[in-house]
Amino acid sequence: MIPHSTRRLTPLLRWCLAGLAAFAALPAAAHALPPVPIPEGPDGDPPAFLGAPAQPRPISAEVPPRHPHMAANGRSNLHVDAYMSDAHQAPGPLGREMERLSTFFAAECASVTFDRAGRIVTICVGLEGPRLVMLDPQTLDLLAAFPLPPRQPGTANPFTDFAGGGYFYLDDRDRAVIPTTHRHIWVVEQTDGPLGPGFRLARDYDTSGLLSPDDKLFSALPDWSGRIWWASQAGVVGTIDPASGAIRTLDTGEQITNSFAVDETGGVFIVSDAALYRFDAAAGGTPRVTWREEYPNSGVQKPGQVSPGSGTTPTLIGSKYVAITDNADPMSVRVYRRGADVSGSRPACSRPVFEQGATATDNSLIGIGKSLIVENNHGYSGPAATTQGGTTSPGLERVDITEGGGTCKGVWRSAETAPSVVPKVSLANGLVYTYTKPADPSDAWYFTALDFRTGATVYKQLAGTGLGFNNHYAPITLGPGGTAYVGVLGGLVLLRDG
């Protein structure tokens, strides 16, 4: 008899074999190859739609400034903008006779960006490594593909390793700036040819000689002057002068497993497994610690986290605040005053969320005005956790910063279960979008809309069933025209109103 744990992993092992064949078969360049749908999962007949279409109720809130060296807000990186707000100004689906499409790569297309022509530029990460691809945003036709360096020998679990392509950004010239698996930062530009668009390597910044052989680059972003900042898993923070290629570094000695945020004052906000930092560039561009604040930490890597620390990329709020979650039990949302110098205490307020013993997150907070939305990922130990009817601990909560910033108060809690998605909000229609998985043997995954003001579930649209539709830490992205995209283990899913 096959042990229960092995039975749960059998579909995952099949996907591993499929991934090696299907992802390796992607061409380096293609001309409008139509998508192959992601295969559906276990037998069953889950409801295709629950709830009712939404009526738009726009949210009035200050929006982050456009970064001069990144693509427009909503098009530049997986967290929407340089503030990592996860708040789209554009509308998303209202739930009206919804359509869904998918494209099967047996690789997760997580970070979705859009060039000035509206085409999708994303990195799809398979078992052997990542690949940069361009897709038609309406049909998901493959327009171009560009191989990136493969996974390095002896690397960690591919399902918890987001280095080398999990975080990248599109710059103001439609170039993809990518931390690679071999500890370089590549700048890849677009080309036009007789077969259609393509990619080519434009710049190669080599940081490998400054890092240990087992270290990894996690993320890269420009500051407001155009200097490229980067962070490694082992805690090295660096800068690159784009013109000269000069590299400067500072070693924090603390693990970093998330992206970071930047603001127009020159601040660079990075969270390690021990503390939240503000960095600024010293003379010559060397990273300098402006301030450092330790946060409560149980020291436990809870199920649902990829490291024993804060699972959040810092979120900047207005001109005053930066927010993260800690790693206490129960976990708390924590808000800090982010200026280089502040009067009074650096911490502004905090609020415990979810239930003790069942609270963890590895996804960024949504920031809208003075409101924050946090998601519970506790129990998501990997893809097998949500197969054969499995699911995780429930909950999304809204926490507001009161006038004056002295208190964080709870506004609502949703009982929806979102195992690992990066949720988003649409300011245009007042909906919070998440990706939920009920405890159902059909292993159905739902694109789910909540009311920002009340937390009530408005509607759920079936995205698909089975392992291939597990988003596995990928975000929801709202694209031009109100279409939503979700990166999943099988590739990419598109959802839109009919």
Protein backbone atom coordinates (compact mmCIF):
# COMPACT_ATOMS: atom_id res chain seq x y z
CA MET A 1 0.00 0.00 0.00
CA ILE A 2 1.29 3.49 -0.91
CA PRO A 3 1.69 5.68 2.21
CA HIS A 4 -0.73 8.61 2.41
CA SER A 5 2.07 11.21 2.27
CA THR A 6 3.46 9.62 -0.89
CA ARG A 7 0.02 9.56 -2.51
CA ARG A 8 -0.26 13.29 -1.87
CA LEU A 9 3.09 13.89 -3.57
CA THR A 10 2.47 11.67 -6.61
CA PRO A 11 0.77 14.42 -8.70
CA LEU A 12 3.61 16.77 -7.78
CA LEU A 13 6.22 14.26 -8.99
CA ARG A 14 4.36 13.93 -12.28
CA TRP A 15 4.43 17.71 -12.65
CA CYS A 16 8.18 17.68 -12.04
CA LEU A 17 8.68 15.32 -14.99
CA ALA A 18 6.28 17.28 -17.17
CA GLY A 19 8.05 20.51 -16.26
CA LEU A 20 11.44 19.28 -17.37
CA ALA A 21 10.06 18.38 -20.81
CA ALA A 22 7.56 21.16 -21.46
CA PHE A 23 9.54 24.13 -20.12
CA ALA A 24 12.78 23.08 -21.82
CA ALA A 25 10.90 22.88 -25.12
CA LEU A 26 10.08 26.62 -25.15
CA PRO A 27 11.82 28.26 -28.13
CA ALA A 28 14.23 31.17 -27.68
CA ALA A 29 11.96 33.24 -29.92
CA ALA A 30 8.51 32.57 -31.30
CA HIS A 31 5.84 34.28 -33.34
CA ALA A 32 2.38 34.13 -31.79
CA LEU A 33 2.32 30.54 -30.62
CA PRO A 34 -1.21 29.90 -29.27
CA PRO A 35 -1.57 28.76 -25.66
CA VAL A 36 -2.19 25.19 -24.56
CA PRO A 37 -4.60 25.19 -21.59
CA ILE A 38 -3.35 24.02 -18.20
CA PRO A 39 -4.66 20.50 -17.51
CA GLU A 40 -7.44 20.33 -14.93
CA GLY A 41 -7.08 18.28 -11.77
CA PRO A 42 -9.19 15.67 -9.93
CA ASP A 43 -12.65 14.65 -11.08
CA GLY A 44 -15.45 16.74 -9.67
CA ASP A 45 -17.94 19.44 -10.53
CA PRO A 46 -17.23 22.48 -8.33
CA PRO A 47 -19.42 25.57 -8.83
CA ALA A 48 -18.08 27.81 -11.61
CA PHE A 49 -19.34 31.02 -9.96
CA LEU A 50 -20.57 31.97 -6.50
CA GLY A 51 -22.03 35.27 -5.34
CA ALA A 52 -23.15 38.11 -7.58
CA PRO A 53 -21.47 40.69 -9.85
CA ALA A 54 -20.12 43.74 -8.05
CA GLN A 55 -21.14 47.35 -8.39
CA PRO A 56 -18.06 49.61 -8.58
CA ARG A 57 -17.44 51.69 -5.47
CA PRO A 58 -14.17 53.58 -6.05
CA ILE A 59 -11.75 54.23 -3.19
CA SER A 60 -10.40 57.75 -2.77
CA ALA A 61 -6.79 57.46 -1.59
CA GLU A 62 -3.41 59.06 -2.18
CA VAL A 63 -1.46 57.02 -4.74
CA PRO A 64 2.31 56.47 -4.74
CA PRO A 65 4.37 58.68 -7.05
CA ARG A 66 5.56 57.33 -10.40
CA HIS A 67 9.15 56.18 -10.16
CA PRO A 68 11.22 57.95 -12.87
CA HIS A 69 13.34 54.87 -13.62
CA MET A 70 10.60 52.22 -13.60
CA ALA A 71 7.66 51.44 -15.85
CA ALA A 72 4.38 53.09 -14.91
CA ASN A 73 2.63 52.14 -11.68
CA GLY A 74 0.72 48.91 -12.18
CA ARG A 75 3.12 47.74 -14.89
CA SER A 76 6.58 47.67 -13.31
CA ASN A 77 6.80 44.87 -10.71
CA LEU A 78 4.79 42.29 -8.81
CA HIS A 79 3.87 44.73 -6.01
CA VAL A 80 2.50 47.40 -8.43
CA ASP A 81 4.83 50.35 -7.70
CA ALA A 82 7.99 51.48 -5.90
CA TYR A 83 6.08 51.78 -2.61
CA MET A 84 5.09 48.07 -2.91
CA SER A 85 1.48 49.15 -2.21
CA ASP A 86 -0.24 46.23 -4.03
CA ALA A 87 -2.96 48.80 -4.83
CA HIS A 88 -3.91 49.12 -8.50
CA GLN A 89 -5.45 52.35 -9.75
CA ALA A 90 -6.96 50.37 -12.64
CA PRO A 91 -10.19 48.36 -12.40
CA GLY A 92 -10.38 44.61 -12.07
CA PRO A 93 -13.13 42.14 -13.00
CA LEU A 94 -16.59 42.81 -11.58
CA GLY A 95 -17.77 39.21 -11.93
CA ARG A 96 -19.96 39.70 -15.02
CA GLU A 97 -20.21 36.50 -17.11
CA MET A 98 -16.53 35.89 -16.54
CA GLU A 99 -14.15 34.23 -18.99
CA ARG A 100 -10.97 32.36 -18.17
CA LEU A 101 -7.97 31.34 -20.24
CA SER A 102 -4.73 29.64 -19.28
CA THR A 103 -1.39 28.82 -20.84
CA PHE A 104 0.57 25.73 -19.85
CA PHE A 105 4.35 25.97 -19.38
CA ALA A 106 4.69 23.62 -16.38
CA ALA A 107 6.46 26.64 -14.90
CA GLU A 108 5.14 29.41 -12.68
CA CYS A 109 4.80 32.83 -14.36
CA ALA A 110 4.61 34.85 -11.15
CA SER A 111 5.86 38.42 -11.64
CA VAL A 112 3.70 39.91 -14.41
CA THR A 113 4.63 43.30 -15.90
CA PHE A 114 3.41 45.20 -18.98
CA ASP A 115 5.43 47.11 -21.58
CA ARG A 116 4.24 50.34 -23.19
CA ALA A 117 2.48 48.32 -25.92
CA GLY A 118 0.48 46.53 -23.21
CA ARG A 119 2.20 43.18 -23.77
CA ILE A 120 2.91 40.90 -20.82
CA VAL A 121 6.57 40.53 -19.84
CA THR A 122 7.03 37.86 -17.19
CA ILE A 123 9.53 35.33 -15.89
CA CYS A 124 8.31 31.74 -15.80
CA VAL A 125 10.28 29.60 -13.34
CA GLY A 126 10.45 25.85 -13.95
CA LEU A 127 12.39 23.13 -12.20
CA GLU A 128 15.58 23.70 -14.16
CA GLY A 129 15.40 27.47 -13.96
CA PRO A 130 13.72 30.65 -15.23
CA ARG A 131 12.88 32.01 -18.66
CA LEU A 132 11.81 35.52 -19.68
CA VAL A 133 8.72 35.46 -21.90
CA MET A 134 6.45 37.92 -23.70
CA LEU A 135 2.75 37.12 -24.07
CA ASP A 136 -0.23 38.68 -25.80
CA PRO A 137 -2.38 40.11 -22.95
CA GLN A 138 -5.68 39.17 -24.61
CA THR A 139 -4.96 35.69 -25.98
CA LEU A 140 -1.89 34.56 -23.98
CA ASP A 141 -0.16 33.75 -27.29
CA LEU A 142 3.59 33.35 -26.79
CA LEU A 143 5.37 36.19 -28.62
CA ALA A 144 8.97 35.76 -27.45
CA ALA A 145 11.09 33.79 -24.99
CA PHE A 146 14.62 34.28 -23.66
CA PRO A 147 16.52 31.71 -21.56
CA LEU A 148 17.99 32.88 -18.26
CA PRO A 149 20.78 31.15 -16.32
CA PRO A 150 19.66 27.76 -14.95
CA ARG A 151 19.41 26.74 -11.34
CA GLN A 152 22.80 26.27 -9.76
CA PRO A 153 23.87 22.78 -8.61
CA GLY A 154 23.01 21.96 -5.03
CA THR A 155 20.39 24.70 -4.66
CA ALA A 156 17.57 24.44 -2.14
CA ASN A 157 14.03 23.23 -2.61
CA PRO A 158 12.82 24.76 -5.93
CA PHE A 159 9.39 25.34 -4.39
CA THR A 160 10.80 27.69 -1.71
CA ASP A 161 13.64 29.28 -3.71
CA PHE A 162 12.52 32.61 -5.23
CA ALA A 163 16.01 33.81 -6.15
CA GLY A 164 17.08 34.33 -9.75
CA GLY A 165 13.83 35.56 -11.27
CA GLY A 166 11.10 35.61 -8.65
CA TYR A 167 11.62 39.37 -8.26
CA PHE A 168 12.47 41.56 -11.25
CA TYR A 169 11.32 44.94 -12.53
CA LEU A 170 10.57 46.58 -15.86
CA ASP A 171 12.37 49.90 -16.22
CA ASP A 172 11.23 53.12 -17.94
CA ARG A 173 12.66 51.83 -21.25
CA ASP A 174 10.76 48.51 -21.15
CA ARG A 175 13.92 46.63 -20.15
CA ALA A 176 13.69 43.75 -17.69
CA VAL A 177 16.20 44.11 -14.84
CA ILE A 178 16.74 40.62 -13.46
CA PRO A 179 18.79 39.19 -10.54
CA THR A 180 20.01 35.88 -11.98
CA THR A 181 20.75 32.48 -10.46
CA HIS A 182 24.50 32.96 -11.10
CA ARG A 183 24.60 36.20 -9.02
CA HIS A 184 24.62 38.66 -11.90
CA ILE A 185 22.08 41.39 -12.65
CA TRP A 186 21.01 41.28 -16.27
CA VAL A 187 19.34 44.10 -18.17
CA VAL A 188 17.40 42.54 -21.05
CA GLU A 189 15.95 44.79 -23.76
CA GLN A 190 13.31 44.16 -26.41
CA THR A 191 14.06 43.68 -30.11
CA ASP A 192 12.01 43.64 -33.31
CA GLY A 193 12.69 41.18 -36.13
CA PRO A 194 11.07 39.50 -39.12
CA LEU A 195 9.43 36.90 -36.86
CA GLY A 196 8.17 39.48 -34.38
CA PRO A 197 9.44 40.77 -31.04
CA GLY A 198 12.33 39.25 -29.12
CA PHE A 199 14.84 39.89 -26.34
CA ARG A 200 18.57 40.42 -26.06
CA LEU A 201 21.02 41.00 -23.23
CA ALA A 202 21.90 44.71 -23.01
CA ARG A 203 23.95 44.93 -19.78
CA ASP A 204 25.50 42.40 -17.41
CA TYR A 205 26.53 43.47 -13.91
CA ASP A 206 28.55 40.76 -12.15
CA THR A 207 28.20 40.68 -8.34
CA SER A 208 29.33 37.06 -7.95
CA GLY A 209 32.85 37.96 -6.81
CA LEU A 210 31.41 39.93 -3.90
CA LEU A 211 29.21 37.10 -2.60
CA SER A 212 29.86 33.66 -1.19
CA PRO A 213 29.35 30.80 -3.68
CA ASP A 214 26.22 29.61 -1.89
CA ASP A 215 24.60 33.06 -1.65
CA LYS A 216 21.73 34.17 -3.91
CA LEU A 217 20.45 37.45 -5.28
CA PHE A 218 16.84 38.02 -4.27
CA SER A 219 15.76 41.38 -5.61
CA ALA A 220 16.86 44.54 -7.41
CA LEU A 221 15.24 48.00 -7.62
CA PRO A 222 16.42 51.50 -8.59
CA ASP A 223 16.41 54.42 -6.20
CA TRP A 224 15.04 57.77 -7.36
CA SER A 225 18.45 58.77 -8.79
CA GLY A 226 18.61 55.63 -10.97
CA ARG A 227 21.19 53.77 -8.87
CA ILE A 228 20.35 50.04 -8.81
CA TRP A 229 20.07 48.49 -5.33
CA TRP A 230 20.11 44.74 -4.69
CA ALA A 231 19.92 42.35 -1.76
CA SER A 232 21.20 38.82 -1.27
CA GLN A 233 19.85 35.97 0.82
CA ALA A 234 22.87 36.05 3.14
CA GLY A 235 22.20 39.72 3.92
CA VAL A 236 24.52 41.62 1.59
CA VAL A 237 23.01 44.90 0.37
CA GLY A 238 24.60 46.47 -2.68
CA THR A 239 24.36 49.30 -5.20
CA ILE A 240 25.35 49.55 -8.86
CA ASP A 241 26.15 52.74 -10.75
CA PRO A 242 24.41 52.00 -14.08
CA ALA A 243 26.82 54.15 -16.08
CA SER A 244 30.17 52.96 -14.71
CA GLY A 245 29.11 49.57 -13.38
CA ALA A 246 30.78 50.36 -10.03
CA ILE A 247 29.43 48.18 -7.22
CA ARG A 248 29.39 49.06 -3.51
CA THR A 249 28.23 46.72 -0.71
CA LEU A 250 27.34 46.46 2.98
CA ASP A 251 26.94 43.14 4.79
CA THR A 252 24.16 43.07 7.40
CA GLY A 253 24.91 39.47 8.39
CA GLU A 254 21.14 38.81 8.51
CA GLN A 255 19.11 36.68 6.10
CA ILE A 256 16.96 38.54 3.55
CA THR A 257 14.26 36.63 1.67
CA ASN A 258 11.89 39.38 0.49
CA SER A 259 11.95 42.27 -1.94
CA PHE A 260 12.18 45.88 -0.75
CA ALA A 261 10.67 49.33 -1.26
CA VAL A 262 12.09 52.73 -2.26
CA ASP A 263 10.80 56.28 -1.91
CA GLU A 264 11.48 59.68 -3.45
CA THR A 265 13.61 60.88 -0.52
CA GLY A 266 16.30 58.29 -1.29
CA GLY A 267 15.15 55.79 1.34
CA VAL A 268 15.53 52.06 0.65
CA PHE A 269 13.51 49.88 3.05
CA ILE A 270 14.61 46.28 3.57
CA VAL A 271 13.45 43.72 6.11
CA SER A 272 15.75 40.95 7.29
CA ASP A 273 14.90 38.02 9.53
CA ALA A 274 15.88 40.23 12.47
CA ALA A 275 15.04 43.86 11.72
CA LEU A 276 13.53 46.49 9.45
CA TYR A 277 16.09 48.85 7.90
CA ARG A 278 16.16 52.16 6.15
CA PHE A 279 19.23 52.55 3.95
CA ASP A 280 20.42 55.63 2.09
CA ALA A 281 23.36 56.01 -0.27
CA ALA A 282 26.50 57.51 1.22
CA ALA A 283 29.10 59.36 -0.82
CA GLY A 284 30.13 57.18 -3.75
CA GLY A 285 26.91 55.18 -3.56
CA THR A 286 27.86 52.86 -0.69
CA PRO A 287 24.78 51.61 1.25
CA ARG A 288 24.50 53.28 4.64
CA VAL A 289 22.21 52.21 7.50
CA THR A 290 20.08 55.23 8.37
CA TRP A 291 18.10 53.38 11.02
CA ARG A 292 17.41 49.81 12.14
CA GLU A 293 14.45 48.55 14.18
CA GLU A 294 14.24 45.00 15.51
CA TYR A 295 10.77 43.43 15.53
CA PRO A 296 9.32 40.62 17.72
CA ASN A 297 10.31 37.23 16.36
CA SER A 298 9.47 33.77 17.68
CA GLY A 299 12.47 32.39 15.76
CA VAL A 300 10.20 29.74 14.25
CA GLN A 301 9.75 29.20 10.53
CA LYS A 302 6.02 28.60 10.63
CA PRO A 303 4.26 26.51 7.98
CA GLY A 304 3.44 29.12 5.37
CA GLN A 305 6.80 30.91 5.54
CA VAL A 306 10.05 30.44 3.64
CA SER A 307 12.21 31.77 6.50
CA PRO A 308 11.96 32.38 10.27
CA GLY A 309 11.24 36.10 10.04
CA SER A 310 8.88 38.65 8.61
CA GLY A 311 7.36 37.32 5.42
CA THR A 312 6.50 40.76 4.08
CA THR A 313 8.16 43.09 1.64
CA PRO A 314 7.94 46.51 3.36
CA THR A 315 4.91 48.57 2.31
CA LEU A 316 5.21 52.37 2.23
CA ILE A 317 2.12 54.35 3.24
CA GLY A 318 1.73 58.00 2.28
CA SER A 319 4.77 60.11 3.11
CA LYS A 320 5.23 59.02 6.74
CA TYR A 321 4.94 55.30 7.32
CA VAL A 322 6.36 51.88 6.45
CA ALA A 323 4.63 48.65 7.50
CA ILE A 324 5.56 44.98 7.85
CA THR A 325 4.38 41.96 9.83
CA ASP A 326 6.52 40.53 12.60
CA ASN A 327 7.03 36.83 13.37
CA ALA A 328 5.53 36.70 16.83
CA ASP A 329 2.72 34.33 17.82
CA PRO A 330 0.19 35.69 17.21
CA MET A 331 1.67 37.72 14.39
CA SER A 332 1.19 41.50 14.39
CA VAL A 333 1.03 44.18 11.73
CA ARG A 334 3.65 46.78 12.66
CA VAL A 335 3.83 50.38 11.45
CA TYR A 336 6.93 52.60 11.72
CA ARG A 337 7.70 56.23 10.96
CA ARG A 338 10.03 56.01 8.00
CA GLY A 339 11.75 59.41 7.86
CA ALA A 340 15.51 59.56 8.25
CA ASP A 341 14.96 61.52 11.47
CA VAL A 342 11.75 61.55 13.50
CA SER A 343 10.63 63.16 16.71
CA GLY A 344 9.47 60.62 19.26
CA SER A 345 9.55 56.87 18.80
CA ARG A 346 10.21 55.16 15.48
CA PRO A 347 7.41 52.53 16.01
CA ALA A 348 3.99 54.10 15.43
CA CYS A 349 1.53 51.30 16.22
CA SER A 350 0.91 47.56 15.99
CA ARG A 351 -2.02 45.16 15.91
CA PRO A 352 -2.13 41.35 16.47
CA VAL A 353 -3.92 39.46 13.72
CA PHE A 354 -5.46 35.98 13.39
CA GLU A 355 -5.30 33.27 16.04
CA GLN A 356 -2.38 32.19 18.21
CA GLY A 357 -0.82 29.01 16.86
CA ALA A 358 -2.33 29.59 13.40
CA THR A 359 -0.87 32.85 12.15
CA ALA A 360 1.80 33.42 9.48
CA THR A 361 2.23 35.26 6.23
CA ASP A 362 4.77 35.28 3.43
CA ASN A 363 3.11 37.94 1.31
CA SER A 364 3.23 41.71 1.34
CA LEU A 365 0.58 43.90 2.94
CA ILE A 366 -1.81 45.90 0.78
CA GLY A 367 -1.55 49.61 1.57
CA ILE A 368 -4.43 52.01 0.72
CA GLY A 369 -4.45 55.43 2.34
CA LYS A 370 -4.05 54.55 6.02
CA SER A 371 -5.49 51.05 5.63
CA LEU A 372 -3.53 47.80 5.50
CA ILE A 373 -4.79 44.36 4.49
CA VAL A 374 -2.96 41.24 5.67
CA GLU A 375 -3.45 37.63 4.63
CA ASN A 376 -2.98 34.44 6.65
CA ASN A 377 -0.82 31.76 4.97
CA HIS A 378 -0.41 29.52 8.03
CA GLY A 379 -0.34 25.85 7.05
CA TYR A 380 0.90 26.25 3.50
CA SER A 381 3.96 24.01 3.73
CA GLY A 382 4.14 23.53 -0.04
CA PRO A 383 2.07 22.35 -3.01
CA ALA A 384 1.16 19.03 -1.38
CA ALA A 385 -0.61 20.89 1.46
CA THR A 386 -3.50 21.85 -0.85
CA THR A 387 -3.94 18.57 -2.76
CA GLN A 388 -6.56 15.88 -2.09
CA GLY A 389 -8.91 18.41 -0.49
CA GLY A 390 -6.30 19.98 1.77
CA THR A 391 -6.30 23.67 2.63
CA THR A 392 -4.77 26.10 5.14
CA SER A 393 -5.71 28.36 8.07
CA PRO A 394 -8.25 31.01 7.11
CA GLY A 395 -8.24 34.76 7.26
CA LEU A 396 -7.67 38.17 5.76
CA GLU A 397 -7.84 41.25 7.99
CA ARG A 398 -8.00 44.99 7.48
CA VAL A 399 -6.07 47.17 9.94
CA ASP A 400 -6.30 50.98 9.89
CA ILE A 401 -3.84 53.54 11.22
CA THR A 402 -5.76 56.13 13.24
CA GLU A 403 -5.36 59.86 12.76
CA GLY A 404 -2.04 60.85 14.30
CA GLY A 405 -0.65 57.34 13.87
CA GLY A 406 -0.81 56.32 17.52
CA THR A 407 -3.11 53.31 17.14
CA CYS A 408 -3.63 50.45 14.74
CA LYS A 409 -7.25 49.27 14.91
CA GLY A 410 -8.93 46.22 13.40
CA VAL A 411 -11.73 46.97 10.92
CA TRP A 412 -12.82 43.54 9.61
CA ARG A 413 -11.78 39.92 9.30
CA SER A 414 -12.71 37.66 6.39
CA ALA A 415 -12.91 33.89 6.88
CA GLU A 416 -11.78 33.18 3.31
CA THR A 417 -8.81 30.83 2.97
CA ALA A 418 -6.02 32.07 0.70
CA PRO A 419 -3.07 29.67 1.05
CA SER A 420 -0.30 31.80 -0.46
CA VAL A 421 -1.39 34.49 -2.94
CA VAL A 422 -0.23 38.14 -3.03
CA PRO A 423 -3.65 39.86 -2.91
CA LYS A 424 -4.42 43.16 -4.65
CA VAL A 425 -6.96 45.95 -4.38
CA SER A 426 -8.52 48.03 -7.15
CA LEU A 427 -8.97 51.68 -6.24
CA ALA A 428 -11.24 52.04 -9.29
CA ASN A 429 -13.91 49.63 -8.06
CA GLY A 430 -13.27 49.04 -4.34
CA LEU A 431 -12.63 45.30 -4.55
CA VAL A 432 -9.89 43.30 -2.83
CA TYR A 433 -8.82 40.36 -5.00
CA THR A 434 -7.50 37.17 -3.48
CA TYR A 435 -7.16 33.52 -4.55
CA THR A 436 -8.87 30.96 -2.37
CA LYS A 437 -8.87 27.18 -1.93
CA PRO A 438 -11.73 25.51 -0.03
CA ALA A 439 -11.38 22.10 1.61
CA ASP A 440 -12.92 20.30 -1.34
CA PRO A 441 -11.83 17.00 -2.98
CA SER A 442 -12.03 18.57 -6.45
CA ASP A 443 -9.11 20.87 -5.42
CA ALA A 444 -10.84 23.93 -6.88
CA TRP A 445 -9.08 27.30 -6.88
CA TYR A 446 -11.18 30.48 -6.94
CA PHE A 447 -10.46 34.05 -7.97
CA THR A 448 -12.24 35.79 -5.11
CA ALA A 449 -13.40 39.41 -4.67
CA LEU A 450 -13.99 41.02 -1.26
CA ASP A 451 -15.56 44.37 -0.44
CA PHE A 452 -12.75 46.67 0.74
CA ARG A 453 -15.06 48.53 3.13
CA THR A 454 -16.72 45.56 4.85
CA GLY A 455 -14.62 42.48 4.05
CA ALA A 456 -17.71 40.66 2.74
CA THR A 457 -17.16 38.17 -0.06
CA VAL A 458 -18.74 39.57 -3.24
CA TYR A 459 -18.10 36.75 -5.70
CA LYS A 460 -15.90 33.78 -6.51
CA GLN A 461 -14.96 32.68 -10.02
CA LEU A 462 -13.47 29.22 -10.59
CA ALA A 463 -9.95 29.55 -11.98
CA GLY A 464 -9.32 25.83 -12.33
CA THR A 465 -8.88 22.58 -10.45
CA GLY A 466 -5.81 20.65 -9.39
CA LEU A 467 -2.13 21.21 -8.83
CA GLY A 468 -1.61 23.20 -12.01
CA PHE A 469 -3.85 26.01 -10.71
CA ASN A 470 -2.07 26.39 -7.34
CA ASN A 471 -0.62 29.92 -7.38
CA HIS A 472 2.22 28.98 -4.95
CA TYR A 473 3.11 32.48 -3.64
CA ALA A 474 2.50 34.21 -6.99
CA PRO A 475 0.49 37.45 -7.05
CA ILE A 476 -2.73 38.54 -8.64
CA THR A 477 -1.99 41.25 -11.21
CA LEU A 478 -4.52 43.62 -12.75
CA GLY A 479 -3.68 44.50 -16.34
CA PRO A 480 -4.79 47.13 -18.81
CA GLY A 481 -8.48 46.78 -19.63
CA GLY A 482 -9.55 45.31 -16.28
CA THR A 483 -8.18 41.80 -16.84
CA ALA A 484 -6.71 39.83 -13.93
CA TYR A 485 -3.77 37.43 -14.19
CA VAL A 486 -2.62 34.80 -11.69
CA GLY A 487 0.69 32.98 -11.95
CA VAL A 488 0.23 29.29 -11.13
CA LEU A 489 2.38 26.17 -11.08
CA GLY A 490 1.10 25.30 -14.54
CA GLY A 491 1.83 28.71 -16.07
CA LEU A 492 -0.52 31.71 -16.16
CA VAL A 493 -4.30 32.13 -15.78
CA LEU A 494 -6.32 35.03 -17.24
CA LEU A 495 -9.73 36.05 -15.80
CA ARG A 496 -11.94 38.85 -17.13
CA ASP A 497 -15.54 39.98 -17.45
CA GLY A 498 -17.32 38.64 -20.52
